[in-house]
């Protein structure tokens, strides 16, 4: 992955998250963050 592609993907993800928060609020982003943390913990257990 080149630096140009990495920067584009990072900016795209930030813009998508900002748009989502602006349109729908941040309650579900907090829920998804908690669920992602639980998933990472579960995957680390099975490693």
PDB file of N, CA and C in Angstrom:
ATOM      1  N   UNK A   1       0.856  -1.161   0.000  1.00  0.00           N
ATOM      2  CA  UNK A   1       0.000   0.000   0.000  1.00  0.00           C
ATOM      3  C   UNK A   1       0.909   1.232   0.000  1.00  0.00           C
ATOM      4  N   UNK A   2       0.648   2.102  -0.920  1.00  0.00           N
ATOM      5  CA  UNK A   2       1.443   3.321  -1.001  1.00  0.00           C
ATOM      6  C   UNK A   2       0.931   4.356   0.000  1.00  0.00           C
ATOM      7  N   UNK A   3       1.752   5.368   0.237  1.00  0.00           N
ATOM      8  CA  UNK A   3       1.350   6.427   1.163  1.00  0.00           C
ATOM      9  C   UNK A   3       0.122   7.165   0.662  1.00  0.00           C
ATOM     10  N   UNK A   4       0.022   7.369  -0.631  1.00  0.00           N
ATOM     11  CA  UNK A   4      -1.118   8.085  -1.205  1.00  0.00           C
ATOM     12  C   UNK A   4      -2.421   7.326  -0.946  1.00  0.00           C
ATOM     13  N   UNK A   5      -2.404   6.023  -1.123  1.00  0.00           N
ATOM     14  CA  UNK A   5      -3.603   5.215  -0.888  1.00  0.00           C
ATOM     15  C   UNK A   5      -3.957   5.210   0.597  1.00  0.00           C
ATOM     16  N   UNK A   6      -2.948   5.088   1.461  1.00  0.00           N
ATOM     17  CA  UNK A   6      -3.201   5.075   2.903  1.00  0.00           C
ATOM     18  C   UNK A   6      -3.806   6.398   3.372  1.00  0.00           C
ATOM     19  N   UNK A   7      -3.306   7.501   2.868  1.00  0.00           N
ATOM     20  CA  UNK A   7      -3.841   8.815   3.242  1.00  0.00           C
ATOM     21  C   UNK A   7      -5.272   8.953   2.744  1.00  0.00           C
ATOM     22  N   UNK A   8      -5.533   8.527   1.520  1.00  0.00           N
ATOM     23  CA  UNK A   8      -6.889   8.604   0.974  1.00  0.00           C
ATOM     24  C   UNK A   8      -7.860   7.764   1.794  1.00  0.00           C
ATOM     25  N   UNK A   9      -7.480   6.547   2.140  1.00  0.00           N
ATOM     26  CA  UNK A   9      -8.357   5.687   2.938  1.00  0.00           C
ATOM     27  C   UNK A   9      -8.602   6.272   4.327  1.00  0.00           C
ATOM     28  N   UNK A  10      -7.573   6.814   4.945  1.00  0.00           N
ATOM     29  CA  UNK A  10      -7.734   7.436   6.251  1.00  0.00           C
ATOM     30  C   UNK A  10      -8.667   8.631   6.204  1.00  0.00           C
ATOM     31  N   UNK A  11      -8.496   9.497   5.206  1.00  0.00           N
ATOM     32  CA  UNK A  11      -9.377  10.652   5.070  1.00  0.00           C
ATOM     33  C   UNK A  11     -10.809  10.236   4.766  1.00  0.00           C
ATOM     34  N   UNK A  12     -10.962   9.195   3.968  1.00  0.00           N
ATOM     35  CA  UNK A  12     -12.294   8.699   3.652  1.00  0.00           C
ATOM     36  C   UNK A  12     -12.995   8.174   4.896  1.00  0.00           C
ATOM     37  N   UNK A  13     -12.278   7.417   5.731  1.00  0.00           N
ATOM     38  CA  UNK A  13     -12.877   6.879   6.958  1.00  0.00           C
ATOM     39  C   UNK A  13     -13.235   7.995   7.937  1.00  0.00           C
ATOM     40  N   UNK A  14     -12.386   8.992   8.050  1.00  0.00           N
ATOM     41  CA  UNK A  14     -12.683  10.118   8.934  1.00  0.00           C
ATOM     42  C   UNK A  14     -13.894  10.884   8.429  1.00  0.00           C
ATOM     43  N   UNK A  15     -13.971  11.111   7.113  1.00  0.00           N
ATOM     44  CA  UNK A  15     -15.112  11.829   6.544  1.00  0.00           C
ATOM     45  C   UNK A  15     -16.404  11.024   6.713  1.00  0.00           C
ATOM     46  N   UNK A  16     -16.326   9.710   6.539  1.00  0.00           N
ATOM     47  CA  UNK A  16     -17.513   8.873   6.701  1.00  0.00           C
ATOM     48  C   UNK A  16     -17.998   8.891   8.149  1.00  0.00           C
ATOM     49  N   UNK A  17     -17.079   8.807   9.103  1.00  0.00           N
ATOM     50  CA  UNK A  17     -17.464   8.841  10.514  1.00  0.00           C
ATOM     51  C   UNK A  17     -18.040  10.210  10.882  1.00  0.00           C
ATOM     52  N   UNK A  18     -17.439  11.288  10.381  1.00  0.00           N
ATOM     53  CA  UNK A  18     -17.941  12.633  10.679  1.00  0.00           C
ATOM     54  C   UNK A  18     -19.333  12.839  10.095  1.00  0.00           C
ATOM     55  N   UNK A  19     -19.567  12.359   8.892  1.00  0.00           N
ATOM     56  CA  UNK A  19     -20.884  12.470   8.268  1.00  0.00           C
ATOM     57  C   UNK A  19     -21.914  11.661   9.050  1.00  0.00           C
ATOM     58  N   UNK A  20     -21.537  10.462   9.454  1.00  0.00           N
ATOM     59  CA  UNK A  20     -22.442   9.609  10.217  1.00  0.00           C
ATOM     60  C   UNK A  20     -22.814  10.264  11.543  1.00  0.00           C
ATOM     61  N   UNK A  21     -21.843  10.821  12.232  1.00  0.00           N
ATOM     62  CA  UNK A  21     -22.120  11.482  13.511  1.00  0.00           C
ATOM     63  C   UNK A  21     -22.980  12.722  13.305  1.00  0.00           C
ATOM     64  N   UNK A  22     -22.716  13.475  12.229  1.00  0.00           N
ATOM     65  CA  UNK A  22     -23.492  14.693  11.970  1.00  0.00           C
ATOM     66  C   UNK A  22     -24.953  14.368  11.647  1.00  0.00           C
ATOM     67  N   UNK A  23     -25.188  13.278  10.944  1.00  0.00           N
ATOM     68  CA  UNK A  23     -26.554  12.942  10.540  1.00  0.00           C
ATOM     69  C   UNK A  23     -27.335  12.171  11.600  1.00  0.00           C
ATOM     70  N   UNK A  24     -26.671  11.253  12.309  1.00  0.00           N
ATOM     71  CA  UNK A  24     -27.393  10.337  13.186  1.00  0.00           C
ATOM     72  C   UNK A  24     -27.008  10.431  14.653  1.00  0.00           C
ATOM     73  N   UNK A  25     -26.057  11.257  15.008  1.00  0.00           N
ATOM     74  CA  UNK A  25     -25.635  11.355  16.397  1.00  0.00           C
ATOM     75  C   UNK A  25     -24.536  10.361  16.719  1.00  0.00           C
ATOM     76  N   UNK A  26     -24.069  10.406  17.951  1.00  0.00           N
ATOM     77  CA  UNK A  26     -22.928   9.561  18.302  1.00  0.00           C
ATOM     78  C   UNK A  26     -23.266   8.373  19.189  1.00  0.00           C
ATOM     79  N   UNK A  27     -24.536   8.152  19.490  1.00  0.00           N
ATOM     80  CA  UNK A  27     -24.884   7.054  20.387  1.00  0.00           C
ATOM     81  C   UNK A  27     -24.510   5.690  19.803  1.00  0.00           C
ATOM     82  N   UNK A  28     -24.799   5.471  18.535  1.00  0.00           N
ATOM     83  CA  UNK A  28     -24.497   4.161  17.960  1.00  0.00           C
ATOM     84  C   UNK A  28     -23.004   3.990  17.703  1.00  0.00           C
ATOM     85  N   UNK A  29     -22.255   5.075  17.543  1.00  0.00           N
ATOM     86  CA  UNK A  29     -20.810   4.959  17.383  1.00  0.00           C
ATOM     87  C   UNK A  29     -20.177   4.468  18.686  1.00  0.00           C
ATOM     88  N   UNK A  30     -20.697   4.921  19.819  1.00  0.00           N
ATOM     89  CA  UNK A  30     -20.199   4.450  21.114  1.00  0.00           C
ATOM     90  C   UNK A  30     -20.538   2.971  21.280  1.00  0.00           C
ATOM     91  N   UNK A  31     -21.751   2.571  20.893  1.00  0.00           N
ATOM     92  CA  UNK A  31     -22.147   1.159  20.961  1.00  0.00           C
ATOM     93  C   UNK A  31     -21.235   0.303  20.091  1.00  0.00           C
ATOM     94  N   UNK A  32     -20.977   0.757  18.861  1.00  0.00           N
ATOM     95  CA  UNK A  32     -20.117  -0.021  17.967  1.00  0.00           C
ATOM     96  C   UNK A  32     -18.684  -0.086  18.481  1.00  0.00           C
ATOM     97  N   UNK A  33     -18.221   0.973  19.115  1.00  0.00           N
ATOM     98  CA  UNK A  33     -16.889   0.946  19.704  1.00  0.00           C
ATOM     99  C   UNK A  33     -16.778  -0.078  20.815  1.00  0.00           C
ATOM    100  N   UNK A  34     -17.799  -0.152  21.655  1.00  0.00           N
ATOM    101  CA  UNK A  34     -17.805  -1.148  22.731  1.00  0.00           C
ATOM    102  C   UNK A  34     -17.844  -2.558  22.162  1.00  0.00           C
ATOM    103  N   UNK A  35     -18.658  -2.754  21.130  1.00  0.00           N
ATOM    104  CA  UNK A  35     -18.745  -4.086  20.523  1.00  0.00           C
ATOM    105  C   UNK A  35     -17.436  -4.467  19.826  1.00  0.00           C
ATOM    106  N   UNK A  36     -16.766  -3.493  19.202  1.00  0.00           N
ATOM    107  CA  UNK A  36     -15.477  -3.763  18.571  1.00  0.00           C
ATOM    108  C   UNK A  36     -14.443  -4.160  19.618  1.00  0.00           C
ATOM    109  N   UNK A  37     -14.450  -3.483  20.769  1.00  0.00           N
ATOM    110  CA  UNK A  37     -13.533  -3.835  21.847  1.00  0.00           C
ATOM    111  C   UNK A  37     -13.792  -5.262  22.333  1.00  0.00           C
ATOM    112  N   UNK A  38     -15.049  -5.634  22.457  1.00  0.00           N
ATOM    113  CA  UNK A  38     -15.389  -6.992  22.877  1.00  0.00           C
ATOM    114  C   UNK A  38     -14.944  -8.019  21.831  1.00  0.00           C
ATOM    115  N   UNK A  39     -15.099  -7.680  20.556  1.00  0.00           N
ATOM    116  CA  UNK A  39     -14.666  -8.585  19.481  1.00  0.00           C
ATOM    117  C   UNK A  39     -13.153  -8.768  19.504  1.00  0.00           C
ATOM    118  N   UNK A  40     -12.411  -7.690  19.693  1.00  0.00           N
ATOM    119  CA  UNK A  40     -10.950  -7.793  19.754  1.00  0.00           C
ATOM    120  C   UNK A  40     -10.532  -8.647  20.944  1.00  0.00           C
ATOM    121  N   UNK A  41     -11.197  -8.478  22.066  1.00  0.00           N
ATOM    122  CA  UNK A  41     -10.897  -9.286  23.241  1.00  0.00           C
ATOM    123  C   UNK A  41     -11.197 -10.755  22.972  1.00  0.00           C
ATOM    124  N   UNK A  42     -12.300 -11.048  22.309  1.00  0.00           N
ATOM    125  CA  UNK A  42     -12.677 -12.429  21.997  1.00  0.00           C
ATOM    126  C   UNK A  42     -11.691 -13.064  21.024  1.00  0.00           C
ATOM    127  N   UNK A  43     -11.263 -12.317  20.008  1.00  0.00           N
ATOM    128  CA  UNK A  43     -10.308 -12.833  19.029  1.00  0.00           C
ATOM    129  C   UNK A  43      -8.954 -13.075  19.700  1.00  0.00           C
ATOM    130  N   UNK A  44      -8.550 -12.182  20.604  1.00  0.00           N
ATOM    131  CA  UNK A  44      -7.284 -12.369  21.309  1.00  0.00           C
ATOM    132  C   UNK A  44      -7.321 -13.616  22.169  1.00  0.00           C
ATOM    133  N   UNK A  45      -8.476 -13.942  22.713  1.00  0.00           N
ATOM    134  CA  UNK A  45      -8.607 -15.171  23.509  1.00  0.00           C
ATOM    135  C   UNK A  45      -8.350 -16.396  22.644  1.00  0.00           C
ATOM    136  N   UNK A  46      -8.872 -16.423  21.445  1.00  0.00           N
ATOM    137  CA  UNK A  46      -8.746 -17.588  20.578  1.00  0.00           C
ATOM    138  C   UNK A  46      -7.410 -17.657  19.860  1.00  0.00           C
ATOM    139  N   UNK A  47      -6.626 -16.625  19.977  1.00  0.00           N
ATOM    140  CA  UNK A  47      -5.323 -16.644  19.347  1.00  0.00           C
ATOM    141  C   UNK A  47      -4.452 -17.590  20.125  1.00  0.00           C
TER     142      UNK A  47
END
